[in-house]
């Protein structure tokens, strides 16, 4: 009979079934926001819609112009997509005053602040906007982006179930996939897909570069490659996130897998693909002047003053990472932010406590990459742009901090039982906040937030404006999606999954290596291939050295 404590109900589905179920769960969770929001319901969505429709019409590289605040470009798009704002930044006003997107295909010239951005994302989501320039096209474009993000997050979840030692990295995944992540991934905006790509990139890169090398890591290579290519091109900060992640995880070289990886053909191909994408993305940025964000007339600060203002703004950035939704005009009650941030901070602090000196070095590099560098860039540009940074811009990098912190904890300090308990506590904490954030934001869009909140005022079925598919549709989708993700995390196996039943001499933690796989391994590394199961007795007893505080994986140099 199968031991539920070891296998878990989610583990009985098999890897393909798990991926499909996780994809559906994330798609429902993100898609709920897609069908709940009014047109231009997320920051700058109209700007990205115009850019996407222009790229779909063949206007890939429009001439840079002073289209918005002295930056951007002009695109020719269907008239039905060009709408003005009337309720943004006014949380007490519903979206009923806005004119919805229409089906008028008449070409008009429209300025967009996103007109200079890299075209690949817009080519993927923009074609429905040209074919059906109304609600049909907008919803389909949103759902295409939601599906891409859901695929990356589902892949990250499966990687954790296959590679994470005690599945505690699921806690990092849950902490990184905030309501703001779902909110942005649901819109026509590359930032949402960038966050999902950052989560997938670090989820795969951490075990790929730090765990024992094996040909079974081909799946990790593929996910690192796909997410790395996407991360490099989606926004201007992508190459920076990749560079910081590489420095943090690959150095010191003697305590990682970089040299072993570079001896394999697949790793060299993916490294070349990511490098080429980074180079072309940087060249695109230089030629199209994407770093010119425009002139906001905010040159009243000295650089010394800007340092203190930027430091003070991190209180807002942290809340925005969790979920200050709509146009940054919808703030949940304070306990939602404090609970999420406390749980995320606990992972980081405990990783610093239990981690080795090299672990702390890596965590510090990731934190500096996600905090200090973006702040320094903001301070340097303050005289031209003012303070335009938002917390969501740092999420792709800070997701790596949470995932690596969870990785360190399960390697150094927390055993299987406590890892499972931690993940379940995070499920109980995060799932209700996700649903509450959606309900709270729907209330804001549908009838505006009242001056004084009460339970009676939080009714998502009232108001002069309603989602195009009705108010019940996003709520049902969100409940189903969150239930699926919560169930997968709650019943996750405490031992690693395999693609097929383990053969004699192999376990889930020490996979069988075929003769064909051995041929790809450098001769010097073949001694590390497991040939017999030596861990099952220790796993069952719960007293293995790897499960004691300070035990487990060490970073001692290999022979």
Protein backbone atom coordinates (compact mmCIF):
# COMPACT_ATOMS: atom_id res chain seq x y z
CA UNK A 1 0.00 0.00 0.00
CA UNK A 2 1.26 3.51 -0.84
CA UNK A 3 2.49 5.56 2.10
CA UNK A 4 0.58 8.86 1.96
CA UNK A 5 3.15 10.58 4.16
CA UNK A 6 5.84 9.84 1.59
CA UNK A 7 4.00 10.00 -1.71
CA UNK A 8 1.10 12.41 -1.22
CA UNK A 9 -2.12 12.36 -3.19
CA UNK A 10 -0.82 14.90 -5.72
CA UNK A 11 2.12 12.58 -6.36
CA UNK A 12 -0.16 9.84 -7.69
CA UNK A 13 -1.08 11.93 -10.76
CA UNK A 14 2.28 11.60 -12.50
CA UNK A 15 4.25 14.49 -13.93
CA UNK A 16 2.11 15.14 -17.05
CA UNK A 17 -1.11 15.04 -15.05
CA UNK A 18 0.35 17.34 -12.41
CA UNK A 19 1.44 19.86 -15.03
CA UNK A 20 -1.99 19.91 -16.68
CA UNK A 21 -3.78 20.30 -13.35
CA UNK A 22 -1.37 23.02 -12.18
CA UNK A 23 -1.75 24.83 -15.52
CA UNK A 24 -5.54 24.79 -15.23
CA UNK A 25 -5.32 26.01 -11.63
CA UNK A 26 -3.05 28.94 -12.44
CA UNK A 27 -5.02 29.76 -15.60
CA UNK A 28 -8.28 29.93 -13.63
CA UNK A 29 -6.65 31.99 -10.87
CA UNK A 30 -5.15 34.50 -13.33
CA UNK A 31 -8.00 34.36 -15.84
CA UNK A 32 -10.44 35.36 -13.10
CA UNK A 33 -8.71 38.74 -13.00
CA UNK A 34 -8.78 38.91 -16.82
CA UNK A 35 -12.56 38.68 -16.99
CA UNK A 36 -13.16 40.79 -13.86
CA UNK A 37 -11.34 43.94 -14.97
CA UNK A 38 -12.73 46.83 -17.02
CA UNK A 39 -10.85 48.01 -20.08
CA UNK A 40 -7.56 49.62 -19.03
CA UNK A 41 -8.20 48.24 -15.55
CA UNK A 42 -4.52 47.62 -14.76
CA UNK A 43 -1.62 50.10 -14.93
CA UNK A 44 -0.94 51.20 -18.52
CA UNK A 45 -3.01 48.46 -20.15
CA UNK A 46 -4.33 50.79 -22.85
CA UNK A 47 -0.73 51.76 -23.72
CA UNK A 48 0.19 48.10 -24.17
CA UNK A 49 -3.02 47.32 -26.08
CA UNK A 50 -2.18 50.04 -28.62
CA UNK A 51 1.38 48.72 -28.93
CA UNK A 52 0.15 45.13 -29.34
CA UNK A 53 -2.40 46.06 -31.99
CA UNK A 54 0.27 48.05 -33.84
CA UNK A 55 2.76 45.17 -33.82
CA UNK A 56 0.03 42.79 -35.04
CA UNK A 57 -0.54 45.19 -37.95
CA UNK A 58 3.15 45.07 -38.87
CA UNK A 59 4.30 48.25 -37.10
CA UNK A 60 7.11 46.48 -35.28
CA UNK A 61 9.62 49.33 -34.95
CA UNK A 62 7.80 52.67 -35.14
CA UNK A 63 9.86 55.84 -35.14
CA UNK A 64 10.52 57.03 -31.57
CA UNK A 65 8.50 60.16 -30.90
CA UNK A 66 7.22 62.34 -28.08
CA UNK A 67 3.92 60.49 -27.96
CA UNK A 68 3.49 60.30 -24.17
CA UNK A 69 5.30 62.54 -21.69
CA UNK A 70 8.06 63.09 -24.22
CA UNK A 71 8.62 59.40 -24.98
CA UNK A 72 6.95 56.43 -26.70
CA UNK A 73 5.80 56.28 -30.32
CA UNK A 74 2.69 56.45 -32.49
CA UNK A 75 0.84 53.37 -33.79
CA UNK A 76 -2.08 53.08 -36.20
CA UNK A 77 -4.75 50.90 -34.58
CA UNK A 78 -8.52 50.28 -34.73
CA UNK A 79 -10.50 53.22 -33.35
CA UNK A 80 -12.46 50.91 -31.02
CA UNK A 81 -9.36 50.38 -28.86
CA UNK A 82 -8.63 54.06 -28.24
CA UNK A 83 -10.41 55.11 -25.06
CA UNK A 84 -9.81 57.85 -22.50
CA UNK A 85 -9.56 57.46 -18.74
CA UNK A 86 -12.19 58.73 -16.31
CA UNK A 87 -11.98 56.65 -13.12
CA UNK A 88 -8.31 55.80 -12.64
CA UNK A 89 -6.74 57.12 -9.40
CA UNK A 90 -10.26 57.81 -8.06
CA UNK A 91 -11.04 54.76 -5.88
CA UNK A 92 -14.49 56.04 -4.91
CA UNK A 93 -15.63 56.16 -8.57
CA UNK A 94 -16.74 53.05 -10.49
CA UNK A 95 -15.70 52.15 -14.04
CA UNK A 96 -19.23 52.88 -15.30
CA UNK A 97 -18.16 56.30 -16.62
CA UNK A 98 -15.76 54.74 -19.15
CA UNK A 99 -16.60 53.93 -22.77
CA UNK A 100 -15.91 50.21 -23.29
CA UNK A 101 -13.76 48.99 -26.20
CA UNK A 102 -15.71 48.83 -29.43
CA UNK A 103 -15.61 46.98 -32.72
CA UNK A 104 -14.93 50.04 -34.89
CA UNK A 105 -12.01 48.96 -37.14
CA UNK A 106 -11.34 52.45 -38.55
CA UNK A 107 -7.56 53.04 -38.41
CA UNK A 108 -6.51 55.94 -36.19
CA UNK A 109 -3.11 57.20 -35.08
CA UNK A 110 -2.63 56.82 -31.34
CA UNK A 111 0.30 57.63 -29.10
CA UNK A 112 1.54 55.07 -26.60
CA UNK A 113 4.24 55.13 -23.97
CA UNK A 114 4.98 51.49 -24.82
CA UNK A 115 5.62 52.22 -28.48
CA UNK A 116 9.37 51.55 -28.28
CA UNK A 117 9.22 48.27 -26.35
CA UNK A 118 10.52 44.91 -27.60
CA UNK A 119 7.89 43.50 -30.00
CA UNK A 120 7.89 39.74 -29.25
CA UNK A 121 5.36 39.80 -26.39
CA UNK A 122 3.06 42.09 -28.35
CA UNK A 123 3.21 39.81 -31.38
CA UNK A 124 2.07 36.89 -29.21
CA UNK A 125 -0.97 38.65 -27.71
CA UNK A 126 -1.78 41.33 -30.28
CA UNK A 127 -3.39 39.47 -33.18
CA UNK A 128 -6.89 39.19 -31.57
CA UNK A 129 -6.92 42.98 -31.14
CA UNK A 130 -6.61 43.45 -34.90
CA UNK A 131 -9.14 40.76 -35.78
CA UNK A 132 -11.78 41.65 -33.15
CA UNK A 133 -11.13 45.20 -31.83
CA UNK A 134 -13.68 45.06 -29.03
CA UNK A 135 -14.25 43.12 -25.84
CA UNK A 136 -13.73 39.81 -27.68
CA UNK A 137 -10.26 40.77 -28.83
CA UNK A 138 -9.28 42.33 -25.52
CA UNK A 139 -10.37 39.31 -23.47
CA UNK A 140 -8.66 36.87 -25.83
CA UNK A 141 -5.44 38.90 -25.74
CA UNK A 142 -5.57 38.93 -21.95
CA UNK A 143 -6.20 35.19 -21.76
CA UNK A 144 -3.31 34.41 -24.13
CA UNK A 145 -0.97 36.25 -21.78
CA UNK A 146 -2.60 34.54 -18.79
CA UNK A 147 -2.06 31.12 -20.40
CA UNK A 148 1.62 31.85 -21.05
CA UNK A 149 2.13 32.88 -17.42
CA UNK A 150 0.15 29.86 -16.19
CA UNK A 151 2.35 27.53 -18.25
CA UNK A 152 5.51 28.97 -16.69
CA UNK A 153 4.13 28.79 -13.14
CA UNK A 154 2.86 25.23 -13.68
CA UNK A 155 6.30 24.22 -14.94
CA UNK A 156 7.86 25.79 -11.85
CA UNK A 157 5.51 23.83 -9.59
CA UNK A 158 6.34 20.53 -11.30
CA UNK A 159 10.08 21.27 -11.09
CA UNK A 160 9.71 21.78 -7.35
CA UNK A 161 7.87 18.48 -6.94
CA UNK A 162 10.58 16.70 -8.94
CA UNK A 163 13.70 18.44 -7.63
CA UNK A 164 13.05 20.19 -4.31
CA UNK A 165 14.34 18.12 -1.38
CA UNK A 166 11.32 18.38 0.90
CA UNK A 167 9.03 20.52 -1.28
CA UNK A 168 9.58 23.62 0.89
CA UNK A 169 10.31 25.56 -2.29
CA UNK A 170 6.55 25.34 -2.84
CA UNK A 171 6.37 27.86 -0.01
CA UNK A 172 8.69 30.17 -1.95
CA UNK A 173 6.54 29.71 -5.06
CA UNK A 174 3.36 30.53 -3.14
CA UNK A 175 4.99 33.60 -1.55
CA UNK A 176 6.24 34.88 -4.93
CA UNK A 177 2.92 34.34 -6.73
CA UNK A 178 1.18 37.25 -5.04
CA UNK A 179 -2.22 38.72 -5.95
CA UNK A 180 -0.25 41.41 -7.82
CA UNK A 181 1.39 38.69 -9.89
CA UNK A 182 -2.05 37.36 -10.91
CA UNK A 183 -3.36 40.90 -11.45
CA UNK A 184 -0.56 41.87 -13.85
CA UNK A 185 -0.43 38.48 -15.59
CA UNK A 186 -4.14 38.85 -16.36
CA UNK A 187 -3.70 42.06 -18.35
CA UNK A 188 -2.21 43.04 -21.68
CA UNK A 189 1.10 44.01 -20.11
CA UNK A 190 4.49 42.26 -20.41
CA UNK A 191 5.22 42.81 -16.72
CA UNK A 192 2.93 39.94 -15.69
CA UNK A 193 4.65 37.45 -17.98
CA UNK A 194 8.01 38.82 -16.84
CA UNK A 195 7.17 38.02 -13.22
CA UNK A 196 6.09 34.48 -14.14
CA UNK A 197 9.27 34.05 -16.20
CA UNK A 198 11.34 35.22 -13.21
CA UNK A 199 9.64 32.66 -10.96
CA UNK A 200 10.23 29.86 -13.48
CA UNK A 201 13.81 30.93 -14.16
CA UNK A 202 14.92 30.88 -10.53
CA UNK A 203 12.91 27.76 -9.70
CA UNK A 204 14.86 25.82 -12.33
CA UNK A 205 18.22 27.63 -12.12
CA UNK A 206 18.69 27.04 -8.38
CA UNK A 207 18.73 23.21 -8.50
CA UNK A 208 20.39 23.21 -11.92
CA UNK A 209 23.41 25.17 -10.72
CA UNK A 210 23.60 23.97 -7.11
CA UNK A 211 22.40 20.35 -6.91
CA UNK A 212 24.37 17.31 -8.04
CA UNK A 213 24.62 17.31 -11.82
CA UNK A 214 22.75 14.60 -13.73
CA UNK A 215 21.42 14.08 -17.27
CA UNK A 216 17.99 14.08 -15.61
CA UNK A 217 18.48 17.85 -15.43
CA UNK A 218 17.55 18.27 -19.10
CA UNK A 219 14.09 19.45 -18.07
CA UNK A 220 15.64 22.08 -15.82
CA UNK A 221 17.83 23.22 -18.69
CA UNK A 222 14.80 23.60 -20.94
CA UNK A 223 12.85 25.64 -18.39
CA UNK A 224 15.87 27.84 -17.62
CA UNK A 225 16.37 28.36 -21.35
CA UNK A 226 12.76 29.24 -22.19
CA UNK A 227 12.20 31.46 -19.16
CA UNK A 228 15.63 33.07 -19.56
CA UNK A 229 14.94 33.98 -23.19
CA UNK A 230 11.57 35.46 -22.22
CA UNK A 231 13.01 37.30 -19.24
CA UNK A 232 15.71 38.85 -21.40
CA UNK A 233 13.33 40.40 -23.92
CA UNK A 234 10.12 41.27 -22.08
CA UNK A 235 11.33 44.42 -20.32
CA UNK A 236 14.51 46.47 -20.14
CA UNK A 237 15.40 45.08 -16.71
CA UNK A 238 15.41 41.45 -17.88
CA UNK A 239 19.14 41.24 -18.74
CA UNK A 240 19.92 42.69 -15.30
CA UNK A 241 17.88 39.98 -13.52
CA UNK A 242 19.65 37.25 -15.49
CA UNK A 243 23.09 38.72 -14.75
CA UNK A 244 22.37 39.00 -11.01
CA UNK A 245 20.99 35.47 -10.88
CA UNK A 246 24.06 34.12 -12.67
CA UNK A 247 26.49 35.89 -10.32
CA UNK A 248 24.59 34.74 -7.23
CA UNK A 249 24.19 31.09 -8.21
CA UNK A 250 27.36 30.41 -10.21
CA UNK A 251 29.93 32.03 -7.91
CA UNK A 252 31.97 30.55 -6.31
CA UNK A 253 32.52 28.35 -9.33
CA UNK A 254 34.05 25.49 -7.34
CA UNK A 255 30.80 24.98 -5.41
CA UNK A 256 28.41 24.79 -8.35
CA UNK A 257 27.69 22.90 -11.52
CA UNK A 258 28.65 25.49 -14.13
CA UNK A 259 31.67 23.65 -15.53
CA UNK A 260 29.80 20.35 -15.73
CA UNK A 261 26.88 22.05 -17.46
CA UNK A 262 29.05 23.75 -20.05
CA UNK A 263 30.43 20.36 -21.09
CA UNK A 264 26.98 19.34 -22.35
CA UNK A 265 25.74 20.33 -25.78
CA UNK A 266 22.24 21.29 -24.64
CA UNK A 267 23.58 23.66 -21.97
CA UNK A 268 25.85 25.38 -24.47
CA UNK A 269 22.97 25.84 -26.91
CA UNK A 270 20.70 27.32 -24.27
CA UNK A 271 23.49 29.57 -22.96
CA UNK A 272 24.04 30.81 -26.51
CA UNK A 273 20.31 31.41 -27.00
CA UNK A 274 20.00 33.43 -23.78
CA UNK A 275 23.19 35.39 -24.53
CA UNK A 276 22.02 36.19 -28.05
CA UNK A 277 18.62 37.30 -26.74
CA UNK A 278 20.28 39.53 -24.14
CA UNK A 279 22.49 41.13 -26.80
CA UNK A 280 19.60 41.73 -29.21
CA UNK A 281 17.41 43.09 -26.40
CA UNK A 282 20.14 45.53 -25.35
CA UNK A 283 20.66 46.60 -28.97
CA UNK A 284 16.91 47.08 -29.39
CA UNK A 285 16.88 49.26 -26.27
CA UNK A 286 19.74 51.39 -27.54
CA UNK A 287 18.33 51.83 -31.05
CA UNK A 288 14.75 52.46 -29.90
CA UNK A 289 15.78 54.49 -26.82
CA UNK A 290 13.55 52.44 -24.53
CA UNK A 291 15.35 53.73 -21.43
CA UNK A 292 14.00 57.23 -22.19
CA UNK A 293 10.88 57.14 -20.03
CA UNK A 294 9.95 60.73 -20.79
CA UNK A 295 10.06 64.00 -18.92
CA UNK A 296 7.77 64.23 -15.93
CA UNK A 297 9.12 67.57 -14.77
CA UNK A 298 10.18 66.27 -11.37
CA UNK A 299 13.59 67.90 -11.07
CA UNK A 300 12.96 69.51 -7.70
CA UNK A 301 14.90 66.85 -5.76
CA UNK A 302 18.61 66.83 -5.13
CA UNK A 303 20.22 63.42 -5.33
CA UNK A 304 20.74 63.44 -1.57
CA UNK A 305 17.05 64.10 -1.01
CA UNK A 306 16.14 61.42 -3.53
CA UNK A 307 18.03 58.79 -1.52
CA UNK A 308 15.83 59.35 1.53
CA UNK A 309 12.62 59.61 -0.48
CA UNK A 310 13.41 56.36 -2.30
CA UNK A 311 14.22 54.58 0.97
CA UNK A 312 10.88 55.71 2.40
CA UNK A 313 9.04 54.51 -0.71
CA UNK A 314 10.03 50.90 -0.01
CA UNK A 315 7.17 50.66 2.44
CA UNK A 316 4.83 51.22 -0.52
CA UNK A 317 6.87 48.97 -2.82
CA UNK A 318 6.41 46.02 -0.46
CA UNK A 319 2.65 46.55 -0.35
CA UNK A 320 2.54 46.90 -4.14
CA UNK A 321 4.32 43.57 -4.53
CA UNK A 322 1.54 41.90 -2.58
CA UNK A 323 -1.31 43.75 -4.23
CA UNK A 324 -2.12 47.45 -4.52
CA UNK A 325 -4.38 46.82 -7.47
CA UNK A 326 -6.26 48.64 -10.23
CA UNK A 327 -4.22 51.78 -10.99
CA UNK A 328 -2.38 51.63 -7.65
CA UNK A 329 -5.55 53.16 -6.21
CA UNK A 330 -6.98 50.10 -4.42
CA UNK A 331 -5.28 49.24 -1.16
CA UNK A 332 -6.48 46.30 0.95
CA UNK A 333 -6.72 46.53 4.75
CA UNK A 334 -3.27 46.48 6.38
CA UNK A 335 -3.41 42.92 7.87
CA UNK A 336 -3.39 41.38 4.37
CA UNK A 337 -0.04 43.01 3.61
CA UNK A 338 1.49 42.42 7.02
CA UNK A 339 0.63 38.72 7.07
CA UNK A 340 2.03 38.12 3.57
CA UNK A 341 5.17 40.15 4.21
CA UNK A 342 5.77 38.53 7.61
CA UNK A 343 5.60 35.05 6.07
CA UNK A 344 7.93 36.01 3.21
CA UNK A 345 10.36 37.73 5.56
CA UNK A 346 10.38 34.66 7.84
CA UNK A 347 11.66 32.52 4.95
CA UNK A 348 14.50 34.97 4.27
CA UNK A 349 15.50 35.48 7.91
CA UNK A 350 15.51 31.76 8.68
CA UNK A 351 17.59 31.11 5.56
CA UNK A 352 20.16 33.58 6.86
CA UNK A 353 20.14 31.79 10.22
CA UNK A 354 20.50 28.24 8.89
CA UNK A 355 22.51 28.97 5.74
CA UNK A 356 26.24 28.60 5.28
CA UNK A 357 28.52 31.52 4.50
CA UNK A 358 28.17 30.85 0.77
CA UNK A 359 24.38 30.65 1.12
CA UNK A 360 24.37 34.07 2.76
CA UNK A 361 26.58 35.46 0.01
CA UNK A 362 24.18 34.22 -2.65
CA UNK A 363 21.13 35.51 -0.80
CA UNK A 364 22.80 38.90 -0.33
CA UNK A 365 23.57 39.19 -4.05
CA UNK A 366 19.96 38.37 -4.94
CA UNK A 367 18.63 40.90 -2.42
CA UNK A 368 21.00 43.62 -3.63
CA UNK A 369 20.02 42.86 -7.22
CA UNK A 370 16.33 43.24 -6.45
CA UNK A 371 16.57 46.15 -4.02
CA UNK A 372 19.73 48.24 -4.27
CA UNK A 373 20.23 48.28 -8.04
CA UNK A 374 16.65 49.31 -8.99
CA UNK A 375 16.73 51.98 -6.28
CA UNK A 376 20.06 53.31 -7.54
CA UNK A 377 18.68 53.50 -11.09
CA UNK A 378 15.58 55.33 -9.84
CA UNK A 379 17.67 57.85 -7.89
CA UNK A 380 19.95 58.47 -10.88
CA UNK A 381 16.95 59.21 -13.14
CA UNK A 382 14.88 61.17 -10.63
CA UNK A 383 15.56 64.60 -12.15
CA UNK A 384 14.11 63.47 -15.47
CA UNK A 385 11.41 60.98 -14.60
CA UNK A 386 10.50 61.68 -11.00
CA UNK A 387 9.67 58.65 -8.87
CA UNK A 388 8.13 56.20 -11.33
CA UNK A 389 9.27 52.84 -9.87
CA UNK A 390 6.66 50.39 -8.63
CA UNK A 391 6.98 47.30 -6.51
CA UNK A 392 5.87 45.01 -9.31
CA UNK A 393 8.98 45.92 -11.30
CA UNK A 394 11.19 44.19 -8.69
CA UNK A 395 9.06 41.04 -8.34
CA UNK A 396 10.89 38.95 -11.00
CA UNK A 397 14.13 39.33 -9.04
CA UNK A 398 12.74 39.17 -5.51
CA UNK A 399 10.90 35.96 -6.42
CA UNK A 400 14.37 34.47 -6.70
CA UNK A 401 15.13 35.62 -3.15
CA UNK A 402 12.11 33.77 -1.75
CA UNK A 403 12.75 30.61 -3.77
CA UNK A 404 16.41 30.50 -2.82
CA UNK A 405 15.60 31.13 0.84
CA UNK A 406 13.22 28.16 0.82
CA UNK A 407 15.87 26.05 -0.94
CA UNK A 408 18.45 26.88 1.75
CA UNK A 409 16.02 26.06 4.55
CA UNK A 410 15.14 22.63 3.24
CA UNK A 411 18.80 21.85 2.57
CA UNK A 412 20.13 23.05 5.91
CA UNK A 413 17.50 23.32 8.58
CA UNK A 414 13.98 21.96 8.08
CA UNK A 415 13.07 18.29 7.72
CA UNK A 416 10.26 16.78 5.64
CA UNK A 417 7.54 16.98 8.29
CA UNK A 418 8.21 20.61 9.15
CA UNK A 419 8.51 21.53 5.48
CA UNK A 420 5.09 20.03 4.82
CA UNK A 421 3.61 21.89 7.81
CA UNK A 422 5.15 25.17 6.65
CA UNK A 423 3.74 24.82 3.14
CA UNK A 424 0.28 24.00 4.50
CA UNK A 425 0.35 27.03 6.80
CA UNK A 426 1.23 29.21 3.81
CA UNK A 427 -1.68 27.72 1.85
CA UNK A 428 -4.05 28.58 4.70
CA UNK A 429 -2.63 32.10 4.82
CA UNK A 430 -2.22 33.01 1.15
CA UNK A 431 -5.29 31.49 -0.54
CA UNK A 432 -7.85 33.61 1.38
CA UNK A 433 -5.80 36.77 0.71
CA UNK A 434 -5.83 36.00 -3.03
CA UNK A 435 -9.62 35.67 -3.06
CA UNK A 436 -10.18 38.69 -0.83
CA UNK A 437 -7.96 40.86 -3.04
CA UNK A 438 -10.00 39.94 -6.12
CA UNK A 439 -13.32 40.63 -4.35
CA UNK A 440 -12.03 43.91 -2.94
CA UNK A 441 -10.82 45.09 -6.35
CA UNK A 442 -14.08 44.05 -8.05
CA UNK A 443 -15.98 46.17 -5.52
CA UNK A 444 -13.72 49.11 -6.36
CA UNK A 445 -14.34 48.70 -10.10
CA UNK A 446 -18.07 48.05 -9.84
CA UNK A 447 -19.25 50.72 -7.42
CA UNK A 448 -16.17 52.37 -5.93
CA UNK A 449 -14.82 51.97 -2.43
CA UNK A 450 -16.87 53.67 0.28
CA UNK A 451 -15.33 56.21 2.60
CA UNK A 452 -15.82 53.80 5.50
CA UNK A 453 -15.47 50.10 4.81
CA UNK A 454 -17.83 47.53 6.27
CA UNK A 455 -18.80 43.96 5.48
CA UNK A 456 -22.01 45.20 3.88
CA UNK A 457 -20.10 47.41 1.44
CA UNK A 458 -17.95 44.53 0.12
CA UNK A 459 -20.57 43.04 -2.20
CA UNK A 460 -19.06 42.16 -5.62
CA UNK A 461 -22.53 41.74 -7.18
CA UNK A 462 -23.63 45.35 -6.75
CA UNK A 463 -22.82 48.55 -8.61
CA UNK A 464 -23.47 50.42 -11.87
CA UNK A 465 -20.66 48.56 -13.69
CA UNK A 466 -20.23 44.79 -14.05
CA UNK A 467 -17.66 42.61 -15.84
CA UNK A 468 -18.55 41.80 -19.42
CA UNK A 469 -19.07 38.10 -18.49
CA UNK A 470 -20.89 38.91 -15.28
CA UNK A 471 -19.69 39.20 -11.68
CA UNK A 472 -20.13 35.51 -10.86
CA UNK A 473 -17.75 34.26 -13.57
CA UNK A 474 -14.48 35.65 -12.12
CA UNK A 475 -15.45 34.64 -8.60
CA UNK A 476 -16.19 31.04 -9.57
CA UNK A 477 -13.02 30.84 -11.67
CA UNK A 478 -10.89 32.22 -8.83
CA UNK A 479 -12.34 29.81 -6.25
CA UNK A 480 -11.74 26.83 -8.54
CA UNK A 481 -8.22 27.90 -9.48
CA UNK A 482 -7.17 28.64 -5.90
CA UNK A 483 -8.70 25.34 -4.76
CA UNK A 484 -6.63 23.43 -7.32
CA UNK A 485 -3.36 25.20 -6.46
CA UNK A 486 -4.06 24.90 -2.75
CA UNK A 487 -4.82 21.17 -3.09
CA UNK A 488 -1.64 20.53 -5.07
CA UNK A 489 0.47 22.32 -2.45
CA UNK A 490 -1.37 20.73 0.49
CA UNK A 491 -1.03 17.15 -0.77
CA UNK A 492 2.42 17.53 -2.32
CA UNK A 493 4.62 14.47 -1.78
CA UNK A 494 7.51 14.86 0.63
CA UNK A 495 9.80 12.88 -1.67
CA UNK A 496 10.76 13.70 -5.22
CA UNK A 497 8.62 12.53 -8.10
CA UNK A 498 9.92 10.58 -11.07
CA UNK A 499 8.70 10.52 -14.66
CA UNK A 500 8.41 6.72 -14.45
CA UNK A 501 8.63 4.09 -11.70
CA UNK A 502 12.13 3.77 -10.29
CA UNK A 503 14.16 0.82 -11.50
CA UNK A 504 16.21 -1.40 -9.24
CA UNK A 505 19.07 0.58 -7.78
CA UNK A 506 17.31 3.93 -8.17
CA UNK A 507 14.98 5.97 -5.99
CA UNK A 508 13.00 9.16 -6.41
CA UNK A 509 15.81 11.07 -4.76
CA UNK A 510 18.57 9.28 -6.69
CA UNK A 511 17.27 8.68 -10.21
CA UNK A 512 18.35 5.86 -12.46
CA UNK A 513 20.82 6.95 -15.16
CA UNK A 514 20.61 5.07 -18.42
CA UNK A 515 23.54 3.95 -20.55
CA UNK A 516 22.66 6.58 -23.15
CA UNK A 517 22.64 9.26 -20.44
CA UNK A 518 26.00 8.14 -19.12
CA UNK A 519 27.51 8.77 -22.54
CA UNK A 520 26.83 12.50 -22.17
CA UNK A 521 28.55 12.76 -18.77
CA UNK A 522 32.21 13.74 -18.67
CA UNK A 523 34.34 10.83 -17.49
CA UNK A 524 35.54 12.75 -14.43
CA UNK A 525 31.96 13.16 -13.22
CA UNK A 526 30.66 9.62 -13.71
CA UNK A 527 31.74 8.58 -10.24
CA UNK A 528 28.95 10.77 -8.83
CA UNK A 529 26.18 8.82 -10.56
CA UNK A 530 24.10 6.89 -8.00
CA UNK A 531 24.12 3.16 -8.58
CA UNK A 532 22.22 1.91 -5.55
CA UNK A 533 19.57 3.12 -3.17
CA UNK A 534 21.24 4.04 0.10
CA UNK A 535 18.69 6.52 1.46
CA UNK A 536 15.35 4.69 1.76
CA UNK A 537 15.96 3.38 5.28
CA UNK A 538 17.06 6.79 6.50
CA UNK A 539 14.08 8.48 4.84
CA UNK A 540 11.65 6.09 6.54
CA UNK A 541 13.22 6.48 9.97
CA UNK A 542 13.24 10.26 9.75
CA UNK A 543 16.68 10.35 11.39
CA UNK A 544 18.94 10.76 8.38
CA UNK A 545 21.70 13.29 8.82
CA UNK A 546 20.28 15.21 5.87
CA UNK A 547 17.14 15.90 7.89
CA UNK A 548 18.89 17.20 10.99
CA UNK A 549 19.57 20.94 11.39
CA UNK A 550 22.74 21.72 9.54
CA UNK A 551 22.67 18.39 7.72
CA UNK A 552 21.99 17.48 4.14
CA UNK A 553 23.59 18.97 1.08
CA UNK A 554 26.93 20.60 1.65
CA UNK A 555 28.88 22.79 -0.66
CA UNK A 556 32.24 21.13 -0.18
CA UNK A 557 34.36 21.11 -3.34
CA UNK A 558 34.04 18.02 -5.46
CA UNK A 559 36.99 15.88 -6.43
